[in-house]
Amino acid sequence: MFFEKEILSFNILGVYKFSQRECHSNNKGRNFSALSFRFCSDAVLEDSKGKYQMTDNCVTYVPARLNYKRNATKDEFIVVHFDTTDYHADRIECFEAKSAERLAQLFKDILDCWDNQKVGYKYRCSGLFYEILAECYAQNYTQPNQNSKIKRSVDYILKNYKNSNLSIREIADRSFMSEVYFRKIFKKEFGISPQKYIIELRIQYAAGLISTGCFSLTEIAGMSGYNDYKYFSVEFKKIMGVSPSDYQYNFTADWLPKKDT
């Protein structure tokens, strides 16, 4: 989840304030991400994954290249448009702020800083955006379950998911349990199978490598734990919605060198 990321690199493109009534819009895959704070809203955002009810004090992340609809009778918010290569998603994410006053003030401060454009304003805006991200992280942080039966296995996955020979049997052994029982406990704690968890880690890592423009797609597949490029391409498209080559063509900065497979 975006709000659970502990660190993020970004480039701010703009900060804007909107106060709209009777808004009905279709947004077609904008080439930037957006993070907003809503002061007064009854908006409903809808993407291919579902509908999201906005409320007062709602913080919302909309990833780049996502098609979505927005319908509202009232919608007042400040939004930061930015680029990042550190996080990729295919759905809207949001939460209702617990410490709304703090976040509301930070969004007002970054808007004021961006609008005034005093010397060094981009550095100051970056600092404020880091504060916003830190506050979002703090309000969504959940203390890891140190008593989890599978903690050793999860730690092992995080250290070794790029190893193409990694097996569920090997992972389950770290928690001294059968593979069947491990799969059951893992699914209960994470909501997905351990194999899907590993695939998502690999594809997120691969997407980050593609965004650097420093490696060929074949190299990236191998670095991400795939010996078979075709299988890597299939898994990448399932997670990211486009093939690795389309992702490279459409989403890598124009000045970065493109490398073929």
C-alpha atoms as a PDB file:
ATOM      1  CA  MET A   1       0.000   0.000   0.000  1.00  0.00           C
ATOM      2  CA  PHE A   2       1.263   3.481  -0.874  1.00  0.00           C
ATOM      3  CA  PHE A   3       0.710   4.853   2.631  1.00  0.00           C
ATOM      4  CA  GLU A   4       2.746   2.029   4.152  1.00  0.00           C
ATOM      5  CA  LYS A   5       5.906   2.800   2.164  1.00  0.00           C
ATOM      6  CA  GLU A   6       8.700   3.850   4.482  1.00  0.00           C
ATOM      7  CA  ILE A   7      10.678   5.732   1.835  1.00  0.00           C
ATOM      8  CA  LEU A   8       9.834   7.234  -1.564  1.00  0.00           C
ATOM      9  CA  SER A   9      11.744   9.270  -4.112  1.00  0.00           C
ATOM     10  CA  PHE A  10       9.736  11.744  -6.157  1.00  0.00           C
ATOM     11  CA  ASN A  11       9.680  14.814  -8.358  1.00  0.00           C
ATOM     12  CA  ILE A  12       6.900  17.326  -7.658  1.00  0.00           C
ATOM     13  CA  LEU A  13       5.197  18.578 -10.816  1.00  0.00           C
ATOM     14  CA  GLY A  14       2.627  20.901  -9.291  1.00  0.00           C
ATOM     15  CA  VAL A  15       0.424  21.699  -6.293  1.00  0.00           C
ATOM     16  CA  TYR A  16      -3.161  22.854  -6.816  1.00  0.00           C
ATOM     17  CA  LYS A  17      -6.325  23.709  -4.913  1.00  0.00           C
ATOM     18  CA  PHE A  18      -9.765  22.781  -6.220  1.00  0.00           C
ATOM     19  CA  SER A  19     -13.188  23.778  -4.953  1.00  0.00           C
ATOM     20  CA  GLN A  20     -15.825  22.280  -7.210  1.00  0.00           C
ATOM     21  CA  ARG A  21     -19.563  21.655  -7.243  1.00  0.00           C
ATOM     22  CA  GLU A  22     -21.526  19.137  -9.299  1.00  0.00           C
ATOM     23  CA  CYS A  23     -18.404  17.588 -10.740  1.00  0.00           C
ATOM     24  CA  HIS A  24     -18.620  14.604 -13.098  1.00  0.00           C
ATOM     25  CA  SER A  25     -15.340  13.757 -14.796  1.00  0.00           C
ATOM     26  CA  ASN A  26     -13.579  10.903 -16.556  1.00  0.00           C
ATOM     27  CA  ASN A  27      -9.825  10.908 -16.048  1.00  0.00           C
ATOM     28  CA  LYS A  28      -7.835   9.092 -18.715  1.00  0.00           C
ATOM     29  CA  GLY A  29      -4.542   7.713 -17.473  1.00  0.00           C
ATOM     30  CA  ARG A  30      -2.595  10.849 -16.580  1.00  0.00           C
ATOM     31  CA  ASN A  31       1.191  10.466 -16.690  1.00  0.00           C
ATOM     32  CA  PHE A  32       1.699  11.421 -13.051  1.00  0.00           C
ATOM     33  CA  SER A  33       0.631  10.314  -9.597  1.00  0.00           C
ATOM     34  CA  ALA A  34      -1.520  12.437  -7.290  1.00  0.00           C
ATOM     35  CA  LEU A  35      -1.802  12.756  -3.518  1.00  0.00           C
ATOM     36  CA  SER A  36      -4.656  14.844  -2.154  1.00  0.00           C
ATOM     37  CA  PHE A  37      -6.237  16.006   1.103  1.00  0.00           C
ATOM     38  CA  ARG A  38      -9.968  16.686   1.065  1.00  0.00           C
ATOM     39  CA  PHE A  39     -11.327  19.427   3.299  1.00  0.00           C
ATOM     40  CA  CYS A  40     -14.979  19.048   2.328  1.00  0.00           C
ATOM     41  CA  SER A  41     -16.128  16.298   0.014  1.00  0.00           C
ATOM     42  CA  ASP A  42     -18.774  13.747  -0.862  1.00  0.00           C
ATOM     43  CA  ALA A  43     -16.975  12.632  -4.024  1.00  0.00           C
ATOM     44  CA  VAL A  44     -17.013   9.059  -5.229  1.00  0.00           C
ATOM     45  CA  LEU A  45     -13.976   7.884  -7.192  1.00  0.00           C
ATOM     46  CA  GLU A  46     -14.282   4.760  -9.300  1.00  0.00           C
ATOM     47  CA  ASP A  47     -11.595   2.702 -11.025  1.00  0.00           C
ATOM     48  CA  SER A  48     -11.630  -0.830 -12.442  1.00  0.00           C
ATOM     49  CA  LYS A  49     -11.134  -2.285  -8.954  1.00  0.00           C
ATOM     50  CA  GLY A  50     -14.013  -0.559  -7.176  1.00  0.00           C
ATOM     51  CA  LYS A  51     -15.584   2.609  -5.801  1.00  0.00           C
ATOM     52  CA  TYR A  52     -14.095   4.828  -3.090  1.00  0.00           C
ATOM     53  CA  GLN A  53     -16.175   7.212  -1.006  1.00  0.00           C
ATOM     54  CA  MET A  54     -14.350  10.437  -0.222  1.00  0.00           C
ATOM     55  CA  THR A  55     -15.089  12.217   3.063  1.00  0.00           C
ATOM     56  CA  ASP A  56     -13.868  15.287   4.902  1.00  0.00           C
ATOM     57  CA  ASN A  57     -10.223  14.737   5.979  1.00  0.00           C
ATOM     58  CA  CYS A  58      -9.716  11.951   3.435  1.00  0.00           C
ATOM     59  CA  VAL A  59      -6.205  11.461   2.017  1.00  0.00           C
ATOM     60  CA  THR A  60      -6.161   9.876  -1.429  1.00  0.00           C
ATOM     61  CA  TYR A  61      -3.462   8.444  -3.667  1.00  0.00           C
ATOM     62  CA  VAL A  62      -4.183   8.026  -7.393  1.00  0.00           C
ATOM     63  CA  PRO A  63      -1.412   6.249  -9.327  1.00  0.00           C
ATOM     64  CA  ALA A  64      -0.176   7.361 -12.713  1.00  0.00           C
ATOM     65  CA  ARG A  65      -1.786   5.963 -15.844  1.00  0.00           C
ATOM     66  CA  LEU A  66      -5.008   4.966 -14.082  1.00  0.00           C
ATOM     67  CA  ASN A  67      -8.391   5.527 -15.696  1.00  0.00           C
ATOM     68  CA  TYR A  68     -11.014   6.568 -13.164  1.00  0.00           C
ATOM     69  CA  LYS A  69     -14.239   8.529 -12.726  1.00  0.00           C
ATOM     70  CA  ARG A  70     -15.036  11.239 -10.186  1.00  0.00           C
ATOM     71  CA  ASN A  71     -18.569  12.277  -9.254  1.00  0.00           C
ATOM     72  CA  ALA A  72     -19.355  14.809  -6.546  1.00  0.00           C
ATOM     73  CA  THR A  73     -21.838  17.457  -5.483  1.00  0.00           C
ATOM     74  CA  LYS A  74     -19.003  19.090  -3.511  1.00  0.00           C
ATOM     75  CA  ASP A  75     -15.283  18.492  -3.618  1.00  0.00           C
ATOM     76  CA  GLU A  76     -12.719  20.808  -2.006  1.00  0.00           C
ATOM     77  CA  PHE A  77      -9.147  19.560  -1.872  1.00  0.00           C
ATOM     78  CA  ILE A  78      -5.453  20.303  -2.321  1.00  0.00           C
ATOM     79  CA  VAL A  79      -3.526  17.916  -4.539  1.00  0.00           C
ATOM     80  CA  VAL A  80       0.158  17.312  -5.250  1.00  0.00           C
ATOM     81  CA  HIS A  81       1.051  15.953  -8.692  1.00  0.00           C
ATOM     82  CA  PHE A  82       4.346  14.062  -8.756  1.00  0.00           C
ATOM     83  CA  ASP A  83       6.493  11.478 -10.515  1.00  0.00           C
ATOM     84  CA  THR A  84       7.977   8.450  -8.783  1.00  0.00           C
ATOM     85  CA  THR A  85       9.655   5.218  -9.868  1.00  0.00           C
ATOM     86  CA  ASP A  86       9.448   3.670  -6.388  1.00  0.00           C
ATOM     87  CA  TYR A  87       5.811   2.610  -6.338  1.00  0.00           C
ATOM     88  CA  HIS A  88       3.431   1.212  -8.925  1.00  0.00           C
ATOM     89  CA  ALA A  89      -0.257   0.428  -8.426  1.00  0.00           C
ATOM     90  CA  ASP A  90      -3.398  -0.307 -10.405  1.00  0.00           C
ATOM     91  CA  ARG A  91      -5.980   1.100  -8.012  1.00  0.00           C
ATOM     92  CA  ILE A  92      -6.874   4.123  -5.903  1.00  0.00           C
ATOM     93  CA  GLU A  93      -5.839   4.073  -2.231  1.00  0.00           C
ATOM     94  CA  CYS A  94      -7.250   6.263   0.532  1.00  0.00           C
ATOM     95  CA  PHE A  95      -7.696   6.647   4.281  1.00  0.00           C
ATOM     96  CA  GLU A  96      -9.441   9.036   6.659  1.00  0.00           C
ATOM     97  CA  ALA A  97      -6.824  11.022   8.554  1.00  0.00           C
ATOM     98  CA  LYS A  98      -6.670  10.466  12.315  1.00  0.00           C
ATOM     99  CA  SER A  99      -4.687  13.663  12.915  1.00  0.00           C
ATOM    100  CA  ALA A 100      -6.477  15.726  10.302  1.00  0.00           C
ATOM    101  CA  GLU A 101      -5.310  19.125  11.532  1.00  0.00           C
ATOM    102  CA  ARG A 102      -1.654  18.245  11.036  1.00  0.00           C
ATOM    103  CA  LEU A 103      -2.124  16.973   7.487  1.00  0.00           C
ATOM    104  CA  ALA A 104      -4.481  19.790   6.542  1.00  0.00           C
ATOM    105  CA  GLN A 105      -1.867  22.344   7.583  1.00  0.00           C
ATOM    106  CA  LEU A 106       0.931  20.569   5.716  1.00  0.00           C
ATOM    107  CA  PHE A 107      -1.096  20.562   2.496  1.00  0.00           C
ATOM    108  CA  LYS A 108      -1.880  24.267   2.959  1.00  0.00           C
ATOM    109  CA  ASP A 109       1.810  24.977   3.569  1.00  0.00           C
ATOM    110  CA  ILE A 110       2.994  23.132   0.466  1.00  0.00           C
ATOM    111  CA  LEU A 111       0.380  24.910  -1.671  1.00  0.00           C
ATOM    112  CA  ASP A 112       1.458  28.301  -0.311  1.00  0.00           C
ATOM    113  CA  CYS A 113       5.119  27.470  -0.893  1.00  0.00           C
ATOM    114  CA  TRP A 114       4.476  26.325  -4.475  1.00  0.00           C
ATOM    115  CA  ASP A 115       2.326  29.345  -5.336  1.00  0.00           C
ATOM    116  CA  ASN A 116       4.769  31.924  -3.947  1.00  0.00           C
ATOM    117  CA  GLN A 117       7.759  30.411  -5.768  1.00  0.00           C
ATOM    118  CA  LYS A 118      10.360  32.090  -3.624  1.00  0.00           C
ATOM    119  CA  VAL A 119      14.014  31.210  -4.186  1.00  0.00           C
ATOM    120  CA  GLY A 120      14.515  27.546  -3.359  1.00  0.00           C
ATOM    121  CA  TYR A 121      10.776  26.821  -3.257  1.00  0.00           C
ATOM    122  CA  LYS A 122      11.126  23.422  -4.926  1.00  0.00           C
ATOM    123  CA  TYR A 123      13.480  22.256  -2.181  1.00  0.00           C
ATOM    124  CA  ARG A 124      11.118  23.564   0.475  1.00  0.00           C
ATOM    125  CA  CYS A 125       8.150  21.887  -1.211  1.00  0.00           C
ATOM    126  CA  SER A 126      10.057  18.612  -1.337  1.00  0.00           C
ATOM    127  CA  GLY A 127      10.726  18.910   2.382  1.00  0.00           C
ATOM    128  CA  LEU A 128       7.047  19.542   3.071  1.00  0.00           C
ATOM    129  CA  PHE A 129       6.032  16.625   0.862  1.00  0.00           C
ATOM    130  CA  TYR A 130       8.361  14.353   2.820  1.00  0.00           C
ATOM    131  CA  GLU A 131       6.627  15.563   5.980  1.00  0.00           C
ATOM    132  CA  ILE A 132       3.248  14.753   4.409  1.00  0.00           C
ATOM    133  CA  LEU A 133       4.435  11.272   3.446  1.00  0.00           C
ATOM    134  CA  ALA A 134       5.912  10.727   6.903  1.00  0.00           C
ATOM    135  CA  GLU A 135       2.622  11.715   8.533  1.00  0.00           C
ATOM    136  CA  CYS A 136       0.664   9.419   6.209  1.00  0.00           C
ATOM    137  CA  TYR A 137       3.060   6.588   7.002  1.00  0.00           C
ATOM    138  CA  ALA A 138       2.771   7.188  10.750  1.00  0.00           C
ATOM    139  CA  GLN A 139      -1.030   7.176  10.582  1.00  0.00           C
ATOM    140  CA  ASN A 140      -1.080   3.888   8.663  1.00  0.00           C
ATOM    141  CA  TYR A 141       1.791   2.090  10.362  1.00  0.00           C
ATOM    142  CA  THR A 142       0.952  -1.219  12.000  1.00  0.00           C
ATOM    143  CA  GLN A 143       3.408  -2.796  14.406  1.00  0.00           C
ATOM    144  CA  PRO A 144       4.566  -6.086  12.885  1.00  0.00           C
ATOM    145  CA  ASN A 145       3.408  -9.194  14.681  1.00  0.00           C
ATOM    146  CA  GLN A 146       6.637 -10.293  16.297  1.00  0.00           C
ATOM    147  CA  ASN A 147       4.924 -13.435  17.611  1.00  0.00           C
ATOM    148  CA  SER A 148       3.815 -14.620  14.183  1.00  0.00           C
ATOM    149  CA  LYS A 149       4.469 -18.304  13.596  1.00  0.00           C
ATOM    150  CA  ILE A 150       5.808 -17.513  10.127  1.00  0.00           C
ATOM    151  CA  LYS A 151       7.927 -14.429  10.881  1.00  0.00           C
ATOM    152  CA  ARG A 152      11.177 -16.256  10.063  1.00  0.00           C
ATOM    153  CA  SER A 153       9.728 -17.391   6.746  1.00  0.00           C
ATOM    154  CA  VAL A 154       8.503 -13.909   5.822  1.00  0.00           C
ATOM    155  CA  ASP A 155      11.911 -12.429   6.657  1.00  0.00           C
ATOM    156  CA  TYR A 156      13.494 -15.121   4.489  1.00  0.00           C
ATOM    157  CA  ILE A 157      11.213 -14.228   1.570  1.00  0.00           C
ATOM    158  CA  LEU A 158      12.100 -10.533   1.802  1.00  0.00           C
ATOM    159  CA  LYS A 159      15.800 -11.376   1.689  1.00  0.00           C
ATOM    160  CA  ASN A 160      15.620 -14.006  -1.055  1.00  0.00           C
ATOM    161  CA  TYR A 161      12.627 -13.314  -3.340  1.00  0.00           C
ATOM    162  CA  LYS A 162      14.970 -12.461  -6.243  1.00  0.00           C
ATOM    163  CA  ASN A 163      16.435 -15.980  -6.116  1.00  0.00           C
ATOM    164  CA  SER A 164      14.897 -17.905  -9.034  1.00  0.00           C
ATOM    165  CA  ASN A 165      15.342 -21.212  -7.168  1.00  0.00           C
ATOM    166  CA  LEU A 166      13.396 -20.084  -4.096  1.00  0.00           C
ATOM    167  CA  SER A 167      10.714 -22.642  -3.180  1.00  0.00           C
ATOM    168  CA  ILE A 168       7.761 -22.609  -0.796  1.00  0.00           C
ATOM    169  CA  ARG A 169       9.104 -25.788   0.791  1.00  0.00           C
ATOM    170  CA  GLU A 170      12.376 -24.032   1.548  1.00  0.00           C
ATOM    171  CA  ILE A 171      10.522 -21.028   2.958  1.00  0.00           C
ATOM    172  CA  ALA A 172       8.216 -23.152   5.128  1.00  0.00           C
ATOM    173  CA  ASP A 173      11.237 -24.953   6.601  1.00  0.00           C
ATOM    174  CA  ARG A 174      12.365 -21.667   8.152  1.00  0.00           C
ATOM    175  CA  SER A 175       9.285 -21.794  10.392  1.00  0.00           C
ATOM    176  CA  PHE A 176       9.564 -25.529  11.031  1.00  0.00           C
ATOM    177  CA  MET A 177       6.208 -26.411   9.511  1.00  0.00           C
ATOM    178  CA  SER A 178       4.819 -28.333   6.572  1.00  0.00           C
ATOM    179  CA  GLU A 179       4.337 -26.579   3.260  1.00  0.00           C
ATOM    180  CA  VAL A 180       0.556 -27.099   3.429  1.00  0.00           C
ATOM    181  CA  TYR A 181       0.270 -25.618   6.916  1.00  0.00           C
ATOM    182  CA  PHE A 182       2.577 -22.734   6.002  1.00  0.00           C
ATOM    183  CA  ARG A 183       0.438 -21.827   2.992  1.00  0.00           C
ATOM    184  CA  LYS A 184      -2.660 -21.838   5.206  1.00  0.00           C
ATOM    185  CA  ILE A 185      -1.126 -19.579   7.878  1.00  0.00           C
ATOM    186  CA  PHE A 186       0.405 -17.245   5.288  1.00  0.00           C
ATOM    187  CA  LYS A 187      -2.910 -16.800   3.442  1.00  0.00           C
ATOM    188  CA  LYS A 188      -4.639 -16.060   6.760  1.00  0.00           C
ATOM    189  CA  GLU A 189      -2.117 -13.348   7.721  1.00  0.00           C
ATOM    190  CA  PHE A 190      -1.497 -11.748   4.308  1.00  0.00           C
ATOM    191  CA  GLY A 191      -4.693 -12.410   2.398  1.00  0.00           C
ATOM    192  CA  ILE A 192      -2.815 -13.889  -0.573  1.00  0.00           C
ATOM    193  CA  SER A 193      -0.781 -17.024  -1.239  1.00  0.00           C
ATOM    194  CA  PRO A 194       2.982 -16.962  -0.557  1.00  0.00           C
ATOM    195  CA  GLN A 195       3.631 -17.538  -4.264  1.00  0.00           C
ATOM    196  CA  LYS A 196       1.580 -14.490  -5.256  1.00  0.00           C
ATOM    197  CA  TYR A 197       3.338 -12.448  -2.571  1.00  0.00           C
ATOM    198  CA  ILE A 198       6.707 -13.397  -4.061  1.00  0.00           C
ATOM    199  CA  ILE A 199       5.532 -12.591  -7.591  1.00  0.00           C
ATOM    200  CA  GLU A 200       4.318  -9.150  -6.536  1.00  0.00           C
ATOM    201  CA  LEU A 201       7.663  -8.413  -4.860  1.00  0.00           C
ATOM    202  CA  ARG A 202       9.529  -9.477  -7.990  1.00  0.00           C
ATOM    203  CA  ILE A 203       7.371  -7.463 -10.384  1.00  0.00           C
ATOM    204  CA  GLN A 204       7.545  -4.309  -8.244  1.00  0.00           C
ATOM    205  CA  TYR A 205      11.329  -4.691  -8.194  1.00  0.00           C
ATOM    206  CA  ALA A 206      11.405  -5.250 -11.958  1.00  0.00           C
ATOM    207  CA  ALA A 207       9.255  -2.170 -12.612  1.00  0.00           C
ATOM    208  CA  GLY A 208      11.706  -0.084 -10.620  1.00  0.00           C
ATOM    209  CA  LEU A 209      14.623  -1.449 -12.651  1.00  0.00           C
ATOM    210  CA  ILE A 210      12.844  -0.702 -15.932  1.00  0.00           C
ATOM    211  CA  SER A 211      12.279   2.869 -14.818  1.00  0.00           C
ATOM    212  CA  THR A 212      16.027   3.393 -14.406  1.00  0.00           C
ATOM    213  CA  GLY A 213      16.642   2.720 -18.113  1.00  0.00           C
ATOM    214  CA  CYS A 214      19.939   1.025 -17.219  1.00  0.00           C
ATOM    215  CA  PHE A 215      19.204  -2.600 -18.113  1.00  0.00           C
ATOM    216  CA  SER A 216      17.691  -4.648 -20.916  1.00  0.00           C
ATOM    217  CA  LEU A 217      14.393  -6.388 -20.225  1.00  0.00           C
ATOM    218  CA  THR A 218      16.109  -9.780 -20.371  1.00  0.00           C
ATOM    219  CA  GLU A 219      18.619  -8.624 -17.764  1.00  0.00           C
ATOM    220  CA  ILE A 220      15.812  -7.297 -15.571  1.00  0.00           C
ATOM    221  CA  ALA A 221      13.924 -10.594 -15.771  1.00  0.00           C
ATOM    222  CA  GLY A 222      16.988 -12.453 -14.513  1.00  0.00           C
ATOM    223  CA  MET A 223      17.719  -9.889 -11.799  1.00  0.00           C
ATOM    224  CA  SER A 224      14.114 -10.202 -10.598  1.00  0.00           C
ATOM    225  CA  GLY A 225      14.140 -13.967 -10.216  1.00  0.00           C
ATOM    226  CA  TYR A 226      12.994 -15.184 -13.648  1.00  0.00           C
ATOM    227  CA  ASN A 227      15.022 -17.518 -15.858  1.00  0.00           C
ATOM    228  CA  ASP A 228      12.289 -17.558 -18.504  1.00  0.00           C
ATOM    229  CA  TYR A 229      11.617 -14.146 -20.083  1.00  0.00           C
ATOM    230  CA  LYS A 230       8.255 -15.204 -21.538  1.00  0.00           C
ATOM    231  CA  TYR A 231       7.018 -16.251 -18.098  1.00  0.00           C
ATOM    232  CA  PHE A 232       8.327 -12.985 -16.651  1.00  0.00           C
ATOM    233  CA  SER A 233       6.442 -11.036 -19.330  1.00  0.00           C
ATOM    234  CA  VAL A 234       3.182 -12.862 -18.572  1.00  0.00           C
ATOM    235  CA  GLU A 235       3.487 -12.252 -14.819  1.00  0.00           C
ATOM    236  CA  PHE A 236       4.471  -8.616 -15.358  1.00  0.00           C
ATOM    237  CA  LYS A 237       1.388  -7.946 -17.472  1.00  0.00           C
ATOM    238  CA  LYS A 238      -0.884  -9.592 -14.885  1.00  0.00           C
ATOM    239  CA  ILE A 239       0.383  -7.261 -12.157  1.00  0.00           C
ATOM    240  CA  MET A 240       1.093  -4.045 -14.078  1.00  0.00           C
ATOM    241  CA  GLY A 241      -1.550  -4.247 -16.793  1.00  0.00           C
ATOM    242  CA  VAL A 242       0.944  -3.860 -19.645  1.00  0.00           C
ATOM    243  CA  SER A 243       3.843  -5.889 -21.027  1.00  0.00           C
ATOM    244  CA  PRO A 244       7.410  -5.057 -19.894  1.00  0.00           C
ATOM    245  CA  SER A 245       8.216  -3.659 -23.351  1.00  0.00           C
ATOM    246  CA  ASP A 246       5.132  -1.408 -23.349  1.00  0.00           C
ATOM    247  CA  TYR A 247       5.955  -0.275 -19.833  1.00  0.00           C
ATOM    248  CA  GLN A 248       9.479   0.582 -20.937  1.00  0.00           C
ATOM    249  CA  TYR A 249       8.274   2.406 -24.049  1.00  0.00           C
ATOM    250  CA  ASN A 250       5.507   4.403 -22.393  1.00  0.00           C
ATOM    251  CA  PHE A 251       6.753   5.086 -18.901  1.00  0.00           C
ATOM    252  CA  THR A 252      10.537   5.520 -19.061  1.00  0.00           C
ATOM    253  CA  ALA A 253      11.673   9.159 -19.287  1.00  0.00           C
ATOM    254  CA  ASP A 254      12.410  10.252 -22.832  1.00  0.00           C
ATOM    255  CA  TRP A 255      16.041  11.098 -22.121  1.00  0.00           C
ATOM    256  CA  LEU A 256      16.853   7.632 -20.765  1.00  0.00           C
ATOM    257  CA  PRO A 257      18.312   5.108 -23.218  1.00  0.00           C
ATOM    258  CA  LYS A 258      15.920   2.330 -24.233  1.00  0.00           C
ATOM    259  CA  LYS A 259      17.311  -1.206 -24.402  1.00  0.00           C
ATOM    260  CA  ASP A 260      15.695  -4.078 -26.255  1.00  0.00           C
ATOM    261  CA  THR A 261      15.478  -7.634 -25.108  1.00  0.00           C
END
